[in-house]
Amino acid sequence: MFRYGDHIMGIQGHPEYSKDILLNIIDRFIQRNFITENFAMRLKEKAGMWEPDKEAWKRLCISFLKGRYCERNGIENMNIGGIF
């Protein structure tokens, strides 16, 4: 995740993904031999520990769009690559 001032924000993740979507992707990776069965089992165990916090992503994006992140944190400008 990065931002440049109040005009550009980049997010690599996919906050719209649910646990079910993630598990389905893992299964497709196994079927196509992109990952091993053992690695897939470990991924599924980790994925089973939590659900994505869609509300946190929503608040973050809305806050950025309204220009409040910098305002709340006393930041005039963040360089590209600045992590929240």
PDB file of N, CA and C in Angstrom:
ATOM      1  N   MET A   1       0.845  -1.158   0.000  1.00  0.00           N
ATOM      2  CA  MET A   1       0.000   0.000   0.000  1.00  0.00           C
ATOM      3  C   MET A   1       0.897   1.229   0.000  1.00  0.00           C
ATOM      4  N   PHE A   2       0.536   2.205  -0.808  1.00  0.00           N
ATOM      5  CA  PHE A   2       1.287   3.448  -0.819  1.00  0.00           C
ATOM      6  C   PHE A   2       0.357   4.603  -1.147  1.00  0.00           C
ATOM      7  N   ARG A   3       0.832   5.789  -0.883  1.00  0.00           N
ATOM      8  CA  ARG A   3       0.084   6.978  -1.252  1.00  0.00           C
ATOM      9  C   ARG A   3       1.059   8.071  -1.610  1.00  0.00           C
ATOM     10  N   TYR A   4       0.601   8.975  -2.413  1.00  0.00           N
ATOM     11  CA  TYR A   4       1.373  10.152  -2.764  1.00  0.00           C
ATOM     12  C   TYR A   4       0.464  11.346  -2.533  1.00  0.00           C
ATOM     13  N   GLY A   5       0.722  12.051  -1.439  1.00  0.00           N
ATOM     14  CA  GLY A   5      -0.127  13.194  -1.094  1.00  0.00           C
ATOM     15  C   GLY A   5      -1.568  12.771  -0.924  1.00  0.00           C
ATOM     16  N   ASP A   6      -2.461  13.636  -1.369  1.00  0.00           N
ATOM     17  CA  ASP A   6      -3.891  13.355  -1.263  1.00  0.00           C
ATOM     18  C   ASP A   6      -4.503  13.002  -2.605  1.00  0.00           C
ATOM     19  N   HIS A   7      -3.665  12.621  -3.582  1.00  0.00           N
ATOM     20  CA  HIS A   7      -4.183  12.403  -4.919  1.00  0.00           C
ATOM     21  C   HIS A   7      -4.042  10.983  -5.441  1.00  0.00           C
ATOM     22  N   ILE A   8      -3.108  10.222  -4.920  1.00  0.00           N
ATOM     23  CA  ILE A   8      -2.865   8.869  -5.440  1.00  0.00           C
ATOM     24  C   ILE A   8      -2.746   7.896  -4.271  1.00  0.00           C
ATOM     25  N   MET A   9      -3.437   6.756  -4.376  1.00  0.00           N
ATOM     26  CA  MET A   9      -3.309   5.700  -3.381  1.00  0.00           C
ATOM     27  C   MET A   9      -3.289   4.381  -4.135  1.00  0.00           C
ATOM     28  N   GLY A  10      -2.364   3.485  -3.801  1.00  0.00           N
ATOM     29  CA  GLY A  10      -2.287   2.177  -4.425  1.00  0.00           C
ATOM     30  C   GLY A  10      -2.458   1.084  -3.399  1.00  0.00           C
ATOM     31  N   ILE A  11      -3.283   0.093  -3.712  1.00  0.00           N
ATOM     32  CA  ILE A  11      -3.530  -1.050  -2.833  1.00  0.00           C
ATOM     33  C   ILE A  11      -3.308  -2.312  -3.645  1.00  0.00           C
ATOM     34  N   GLN A  12      -2.432  -3.167  -3.191  1.00  0.00           N
ATOM     35  CA  GLN A  12      -2.168  -4.420  -3.898  1.00  0.00           C
ATOM     36  C   GLN A  12      -3.182  -5.502  -3.533  1.00  0.00           C
ATOM     37  N   GLY A  13      -3.665  -5.481  -2.321  1.00  0.00           N
ATOM     38  CA  GLY A  13      -4.563  -6.536  -1.861  1.00  0.00           C
ATOM     39  C   GLY A  13      -5.922  -6.501  -2.534  1.00  0.00           C
ATOM     40  N   HIS A  14      -6.755  -7.454  -2.208  1.00  0.00           N
ATOM     41  CA  HIS A  14      -8.110  -7.526  -2.742  1.00  0.00           C
ATOM     42  C   HIS A  14      -9.080  -7.619  -1.571  1.00  0.00           C
ATOM     43  N   PRO A  15      -9.477  -6.466  -1.024  1.00  0.00           N
ATOM     44  CA  PRO A  15     -10.332  -6.490   0.158  1.00  0.00           C
ATOM     45  C   PRO A  15     -11.703  -7.103  -0.081  1.00  0.00           C
ATOM     46  N   GLU A  16     -12.103  -7.228  -1.341  1.00  0.00           N
ATOM     47  CA  GLU A  16     -13.406  -7.812  -1.636  1.00  0.00           C
ATOM     48  C   GLU A  16     -13.391  -9.333  -1.515  1.00  0.00           C
ATOM     49  N   TYR A  17     -12.212  -9.935  -1.401  1.00  0.00           N
ATOM     50  CA  TYR A  17     -12.112 -11.392  -1.307  1.00  0.00           C
ATOM     51  C   TYR A  17     -12.597 -11.877   0.051  1.00  0.00           C
ATOM     52  N   SER A  18     -13.421 -12.895   0.012  1.00  0.00           N
ATOM     53  CA  SER A  18     -13.846 -13.561   1.243  1.00  0.00           C
ATOM     54  C   SER A  18     -12.942 -14.776   1.461  1.00  0.00           C
ATOM     55  N   LYS A  19     -13.121 -15.408   2.591  1.00  0.00           N
ATOM     56  CA  LYS A  19     -12.357 -16.624   2.871  1.00  0.00           C
ATOM     57  C   LYS A  19     -12.677 -17.706   1.832  1.00  0.00           C
ATOM     58  N   ASP A  20     -13.950 -17.810   1.434  1.00  0.00           N
ATOM     59  CA  ASP A  20     -14.346 -18.809   0.433  1.00  0.00           C
ATOM     60  C   ASP A  20     -13.643 -18.580  -0.901  1.00  0.00           C
ATOM     61  N   ILE A  21     -13.532 -17.332  -1.321  1.00  0.00           N
ATOM     62  CA  ILE A  21     -12.845 -17.019  -2.578  1.00  0.00           C
ATOM     63  C   ILE A  21     -11.383 -17.423  -2.475  1.00  0.00           C
ATOM     64  N   LEU A  22     -10.751 -17.099  -1.363  1.00  0.00           N
ATOM     65  CA  LEU A  22      -9.346 -17.439  -1.177  1.00  0.00           C
ATOM     66  C   LEU A  22      -9.134 -18.954  -1.202  1.00  0.00           C
ATOM     67  N   LEU A  23      -9.995 -19.695  -0.527  1.00  0.00           N
ATOM     68  CA  LEU A  23      -9.872 -21.158  -0.520  1.00  0.00           C
ATOM     69  C   LEU A  23     -10.072 -21.735  -1.925  1.00  0.00           C
ATOM     70  N   ASN A  24     -10.985 -21.149  -2.692  1.00  0.00           N
ATOM     71  CA  ASN A  24     -11.200 -21.589  -4.070  1.00  0.00           C
ATOM     72  C   ASN A  24      -9.963 -21.336  -4.929  1.00  0.00           C
ATOM     73  N   ILE A  25      -9.326 -20.197  -4.750  1.00  0.00           N
ATOM     74  CA  ILE A  25      -8.098 -19.887  -5.501  1.00  0.00           C
ATOM     75  C   ILE A  25      -7.000 -20.890  -5.154  1.00  0.00           C
ATOM     76  N   ILE A  26      -6.872 -21.208  -3.868  1.00  0.00           N
ATOM     77  CA  ILE A  26      -5.870 -22.195  -3.440  1.00  0.00           C
ATOM     78  C   ILE A  26      -6.138 -23.536  -4.119  1.00  0.00           C
ATOM     79  N   ASP A  27      -7.409 -23.954  -4.164  1.00  0.00           N
ATOM     80  CA  ASP A  27      -7.758 -25.221  -4.825  1.00  0.00           C
ATOM     81  C   ASP A  27      -7.399 -25.196  -6.314  1.00  0.00           C
ATOM     82  N   ARG A  28      -7.654 -24.080  -6.977  1.00  0.00           N
ATOM     83  CA  ARG A  28      -7.303 -23.981  -8.399  1.00  0.00           C
ATOM     84  C   ARG A  28      -5.792 -24.045  -8.597  1.00  0.00           C
ATOM     85  N   PHE A  29      -5.034 -23.449  -7.679  1.00  0.00           N
ATOM     86  CA  PHE A  29      -3.566 -23.517  -7.766  1.00  0.00           C
ATOM     87  C   PHE A  29      -3.077 -24.950  -7.617  1.00  0.00           C
ATOM     88  N   ILE A  30      -3.722 -25.722  -6.749  1.00  0.00           N
ATOM     89  CA  ILE A  30      -3.357 -27.139  -6.583  1.00  0.00           C
ATOM     90  C   ILE A  30      -3.653 -27.895  -7.882  1.00  0.00           C
ATOM     91  N   GLN A  31      -4.852 -27.693  -8.427  1.00  0.00           N
ATOM     92  CA  GLN A  31      -5.262 -28.402  -9.645  1.00  0.00           C
ATOM     93  C   GLN A  31      -4.331 -28.123 -10.820  1.00  0.00           C
ATOM     94  N   ARG A  32      -3.779 -26.945 -10.865  1.00  0.00           N
ATOM     95  CA  ARG A  32      -2.885 -26.571 -11.976  1.00  0.00           C
ATOM     96  C   ARG A  32      -1.422 -26.805 -11.648  1.00  0.00           C
ATOM     97  N   ASN A  33      -1.167 -27.432 -10.502  1.00  0.00           N
ATOM     98  CA  ASN A  33       0.194 -27.749 -10.062  1.00  0.00           C
ATOM     99  C   ASN A  33       1.075 -26.508  -9.888  1.00  0.00           C
ATOM    100  N   PHE A  34       0.439 -25.389  -9.507  1.00  0.00           N
ATOM    101  CA  PHE A  34       1.214 -24.177  -9.216  1.00  0.00           C
ATOM    102  C   PHE A  34       1.822 -24.237  -7.815  1.00  0.00           C
ATOM    103  N   ILE A  35       1.161 -24.988  -6.915  1.00  0.00           N
ATOM    104  CA  ILE A  35       1.650 -25.156  -5.542  1.00  0.00           C
ATOM    105  C   ILE A  35       1.472 -26.614  -5.150  1.00  0.00           C
ATOM    106  N   THR A  36       2.220 -27.025  -4.136  1.00  0.00           N
ATOM    107  CA  THR A  36       2.112 -28.408  -3.663  1.00  0.00           C
ATOM    108  C   THR A  36       0.919 -28.555  -2.720  1.00  0.00           C
ATOM    109  N   GLU A  37       0.478 -29.781  -2.584  1.00  0.00           N
ATOM    110  CA  GLU A  37      -0.629 -30.086  -1.672  1.00  0.00           C
ATOM    111  C   GLU A  37      -0.273 -29.694  -0.232  1.00  0.00           C
ATOM    112  N   ASN A  38       0.961 -29.967   0.160  1.00  0.00           N
ATOM    113  CA  ASN A  38       1.413 -29.640   1.508  1.00  0.00           C
ATOM    114  C   ASN A  38       1.368 -28.130   1.759  1.00  0.00           C
ATOM    115  N   PHE A  39       1.864 -27.364   0.807  1.00  0.00           N
ATOM    116  CA  PHE A  39       1.849 -25.907   0.945  1.00  0.00           C
ATOM    117  C   PHE A  39       0.412 -25.389   0.988  1.00  0.00           C
ATOM    118  N   ALA A  40      -0.455 -25.972   0.153  1.00  0.00           N
ATOM    119  CA  ALA A  40      -1.862 -25.571   0.115  1.00  0.00           C
ATOM    120  C   ALA A  40      -2.539 -25.815   1.464  1.00  0.00           C
ATOM    121  N   MET A  41      -2.238 -26.934   2.099  1.00  0.00           N
ATOM    122  CA  MET A  41      -2.819 -27.227   3.411  1.00  0.00           C
ATOM    123  C   MET A  41      -2.413 -26.169   4.433  1.00  0.00           C
ATOM    124  N   ARG A  42      -1.148 -25.762   4.397  1.00  0.00           N
ATOM    125  CA  ARG A  42      -0.681 -24.714   5.328  1.00  0.00           C
ATOM    126  C   ARG A  42      -1.390 -23.389   5.051  1.00  0.00           C
ATOM    127  N   LEU A  43      -1.562 -23.069   3.766  1.00  0.00           N
ATOM    128  CA  LEU A  43      -2.264 -21.833   3.410  1.00  0.00           C
ATOM    129  C   LEU A  43      -3.710 -21.862   3.900  1.00  0.00           C
ATOM    130  N   LYS A  44      -4.363 -23.001   3.708  1.00  0.00           N
ATOM    131  CA  LYS A  44      -5.760 -23.116   4.134  1.00  0.00           C
ATOM    132  C   LYS A  44      -5.895 -23.001   5.652  1.00  0.00           C
ATOM    133  N   GLU A  45      -4.934 -23.547   6.383  1.00  0.00           N
ATOM    134  CA  GLU A  45      -4.962 -23.416   7.841  1.00  0.00           C
ATOM    135  C   GLU A  45      -4.858 -21.950   8.249  1.00  0.00           C
ATOM    136  N   LYS A  46      -3.937 -21.222   7.622  1.00  0.00           N
ATOM    137  CA  LYS A  46      -3.789 -19.791   7.931  1.00  0.00           C
ATOM    138  C   LYS A  46      -5.032 -19.009   7.523  1.00  0.00           C
ATOM    139  N   ALA A  47      -5.582 -19.331   6.360  1.00  0.00           N
ATOM    140  CA  ALA A  47      -6.767 -18.617   5.878  1.00  0.00           C
ATOM    141  C   ALA A  47      -7.968 -18.862   6.787  1.00  0.00           C
ATOM    142  N   GLY A  48      -8.001 -20.021   7.417  1.00  0.00           N
ATOM    143  CA  GLY A  48      -9.115 -20.356   8.303  1.00  0.00           C
ATOM    144  C   GLY A  48      -9.096 -19.626   9.631  1.00  0.00           C
ATOM    145  N   MET A  49      -8.029 -18.906   9.912  1.00  0.00           N
ATOM    146  CA  MET A  49      -7.890 -18.232  11.205  1.00  0.00           C
ATOM    147  C   MET A  49      -8.671 -16.918  11.284  1.00  0.00           C
ATOM    148  N   TRP A  50      -8.993 -16.314  10.144  1.00  0.00           N
ATOM    149  CA  TRP A  50      -9.660 -15.006  10.194  1.00  0.00           C
ATOM    150  C   TRP A  50     -10.430 -14.737   8.917  1.00  0.00           C
ATOM    151  N   GLU A  51     -11.319 -13.766   9.005  1.00  0.00           N
ATOM    152  CA  GLU A  51     -12.038 -13.243   7.837  1.00  0.00           C
ATOM    153  C   GLU A  51     -11.430 -11.890   7.497  1.00  0.00           C
ATOM    154  N   PRO A  52     -11.427 -11.521   6.235  1.00  0.00           N
ATOM    155  CA  PRO A  52     -10.936 -10.189   5.873  1.00  0.00           C
ATOM    156  C   PRO A  52     -11.781  -9.113   6.554  1.00  0.00           C
ATOM    157  N   ASP A  53     -11.140  -8.054   6.994  1.00  0.00           N
ATOM    158  CA  ASP A  53     -11.844  -6.956   7.659  1.00  0.00           C
ATOM    159  C   ASP A  53     -12.255  -5.930   6.609  1.00  0.00           C
ATOM    160  N   LYS A  54     -13.378  -6.197   5.956  1.00  0.00           N
ATOM    161  CA  LYS A  54     -13.845  -5.330   4.878  1.00  0.00           C
ATOM    162  C   LYS A  54     -14.187  -3.930   5.384  1.00  0.00           C
ATOM    163  N   GLU A  55     -14.666  -3.841   6.609  1.00  0.00           N
ATOM    164  CA  GLU A  55     -14.989  -2.517   7.161  1.00  0.00           C
ATOM    165  C   GLU A  55     -13.741  -1.668   7.341  1.00  0.00           C
ATOM    166  N   ALA A  56     -12.630  -2.285   7.735  1.00  0.00           N
ATOM    167  CA  ALA A  56     -11.373  -1.533   7.883  1.00  0.00           C
ATOM    168  C   ALA A  56     -10.914  -1.003   6.522  1.00  0.00           C
ATOM    169  N   TRP A  57     -11.001  -1.837   5.472  1.00  0.00           N
ATOM    170  CA  TRP A  57     -10.638  -1.384   4.125  1.00  0.00           C
ATOM    171  C   TRP A  57     -11.558  -0.261   3.677  1.00  0.00           C
ATOM    172  N   LYS A  58     -12.834  -0.412   3.957  1.00  0.00           N
ATOM    173  CA  LYS A  58     -13.813   0.604   3.564  1.00  0.00           C
ATOM    174  C   LYS A  58     -13.493   1.942   4.246  1.00  0.00           C
ATOM    175  N   ARG A  59     -13.229   1.909   5.563  1.00  0.00           N
ATOM    176  CA  ARG A  59     -12.896   3.147   6.293  1.00  0.00           C
ATOM    177  C   ARG A  59     -11.628   3.781   5.744  1.00  0.00           C
ATOM    178  N   LEU A  60     -10.618   2.945   5.460  1.00  0.00           N
ATOM    179  CA  LEU A  60      -9.357   3.460   4.932  1.00  0.00           C
ATOM    180  C   LEU A  60      -9.569   4.167   3.598  1.00  0.00           C
ATOM    181  N   CYS A  61     -10.289   3.544   2.695  1.00  0.00           N
ATOM    182  CA  CYS A  61     -10.511   4.127   1.373  1.00  0.00           C
ATOM    183  C   CYS A  61     -11.356   5.392   1.449  1.00  0.00           C
ATOM    184  N   ILE A  62     -12.420   5.365   2.244  1.00  0.00           N
ATOM    185  CA  ILE A  62     -13.264   6.552   2.383  1.00  0.00           C
ATOM    186  C   ILE A  62     -12.477   7.689   3.007  1.00  0.00           C
ATOM    187  N   SER A  63     -11.691   7.357   4.023  1.00  0.00           N
ATOM    188  CA  SER A  63     -10.868   8.374   4.681  1.00  0.00           C
ATOM    189  C   SER A  63      -9.908   9.018   3.685  1.00  0.00           C
ATOM    190  N   PHE A  64      -9.280   8.205   2.846  1.00  0.00           N
ATOM    191  CA  PHE A  64      -8.367   8.741   1.843  1.00  0.00           C
ATOM    192  C   PHE A  64      -9.117   9.645   0.866  1.00  0.00           C
ATOM    193  N   LEU A  65     -10.248   9.157   0.373  1.00  0.00           N
ATOM    194  CA  LEU A  65     -11.002   9.926  -0.613  1.00  0.00           C
ATOM    195  C   LEU A  65     -11.498  11.257  -0.050  1.00  0.00           C
ATOM    196  N   LYS A  66     -11.733  11.303   1.234  1.00  0.00           N
ATOM    197  CA  LYS A  66     -12.165  12.556   1.860  1.00  0.00           C
ATOM    198  C   LYS A  66     -10.983  13.391   2.332  1.00  0.00           C
ATOM    199  N   GLY A  67      -9.748  12.887   2.137  1.00  0.00           N
ATOM    200  CA  GLY A  67      -8.558  13.649   2.487  1.00  0.00           C
ATOM    201  C   GLY A  67      -8.279  13.743   3.961  1.00  0.00           C
ATOM    202  N   ARG A  68      -8.761  12.791   4.737  1.00  0.00           N
ATOM    203  CA  ARG A  68      -8.626  12.883   6.190  1.00  0.00           C
ATOM    204  C   ARG A  68      -7.380  12.206   6.749  1.00  0.00           C
ATOM    205  N   TYR A  69      -6.763  11.297   6.005  1.00  0.00           N
ATOM    206  CA  TYR A  69      -5.605  10.600   6.562  1.00  0.00           C
ATOM    207  C   TYR A  69      -4.493  11.584   6.901  1.00  0.00           C
ATOM    208  N   CYS A  70      -4.119  12.407   5.955  1.00  0.00           N
ATOM    209  CA  CYS A  70      -3.039  13.372   6.189  1.00  0.00           C
ATOM    210  C   CYS A  70      -3.446  14.379   7.263  1.00  0.00           C
ATOM    211  N   GLU A  71      -4.683  14.811   7.190  1.00  0.00           N
ATOM    212  CA  GLU A  71      -5.178  15.794   8.163  1.00  0.00           C
ATOM    213  C   GLU A  71      -5.064  15.259   9.590  1.00  0.00           C
ATOM    214  N   ARG A  72      -5.501  14.028   9.812  1.00  0.00           N
ATOM    215  CA  ARG A  72      -5.470  13.430  11.151  1.00  0.00           C
ATOM    216  C   ARG A  72      -4.059  13.164  11.647  1.00  0.00           C
ATOM    217  N   ASN A  73      -3.142  12.914  10.720  1.00  0.00           N
ATOM    218  CA  ASN A  73      -1.797  12.516  11.115  1.00  0.00           C
ATOM    219  C   ASN A  73      -0.754  13.614  10.944  1.00  0.00           C
ATOM    220  N   GLY A  74      -1.199  14.839  10.672  1.00  0.00           N
ATOM    221  CA  GLY A  74      -0.283  15.961  10.560  1.00  0.00           C
ATOM    222  C   GLY A  74       0.730  15.809   9.444  1.00  0.00           C
ATOM    223  N   ILE A  75       0.321  15.200   8.341  1.00  0.00           N
ATOM    224  CA  ILE A  75       1.225  14.937   7.220  1.00  0.00           C
ATOM    225  C   ILE A  75       0.817  15.834   6.055  1.00  0.00           C
ATOM    226  N   GLU A  76       1.792  16.544   5.521  1.00  0.00           N
ATOM    227  CA  GLU A  76       1.501  17.375   4.354  1.00  0.00           C
ATOM    228  C   GLU A  76       1.648  16.587   3.069  1.00  0.00           C
ATOM    229  N   ASN A  77       2.628  15.679   3.013  1.00  0.00           N
ATOM    230  CA  ASN A  77       2.870  14.916   1.802  1.00  0.00           C
ATOM    231  C   ASN A  77       3.646  13.661   2.167  1.00  0.00           C
ATOM    232  N   MET A  78       3.270  12.530   1.579  1.00  0.00           N
ATOM    233  CA  MET A  78       4.011  11.291   1.767  1.00  0.00           C
ATOM    234  C   MET A  78       4.632  10.906   0.445  1.00  0.00           C
ATOM    235  N   ASN A  79       5.863  10.436   0.481  1.00  0.00           N
ATOM    236  CA  ASN A  79       6.521   9.997  -0.743  1.00  0.00           C
ATOM    237  C   ASN A  79       5.935   8.693  -1.220  1.00  0.00           C
ATOM    238  N   ILE A  80       6.047   8.435  -2.520  1.00  0.00           N
ATOM    239  CA  ILE A  80       5.627   7.146  -3.045  1.00  0.00           C
ATOM    240  C   ILE A  80       6.420   6.068  -2.318  1.00  0.00           C
ATOM    241  N   GLY A  81       5.732   5.045  -1.911  1.00  0.00           N
ATOM    242  CA  GLY A  81       6.373   3.975  -1.140  1.00  0.00           C
ATOM    243  C   GLY A  81       6.140   4.144   0.354  1.00  0.00           C
ATOM    244  N   GLY A  82       5.577   5.265   0.766  1.00  0.00           N
ATOM    245  CA  GLY A  82       5.274   5.458   2.192  1.00  0.00           C
ATOM    246  C   GLY A  82       4.198   4.491   2.618  1.00  0.00           C
ATOM    247  N   ILE A  83       4.444   3.760   3.638  1.00  0.00           N
ATOM    248  CA  ILE A  83       3.478   2.751   4.109  1.00  0.00           C
ATOM    249  C   ILE A  83       2.642   3.352   5.209  1.00  0.00           C
ATOM    250  N   PHE A  84       1.337   3.061   5.173  1.00  0.00           N
ATOM    251  CA  PHE A  84       0.425   3.526   6.220  1.00  0.00           C
ATOM    252  C   PHE A  84       0.769   2.865   7.521  1.00  0.00           C
TER     253      PHE A  84
END
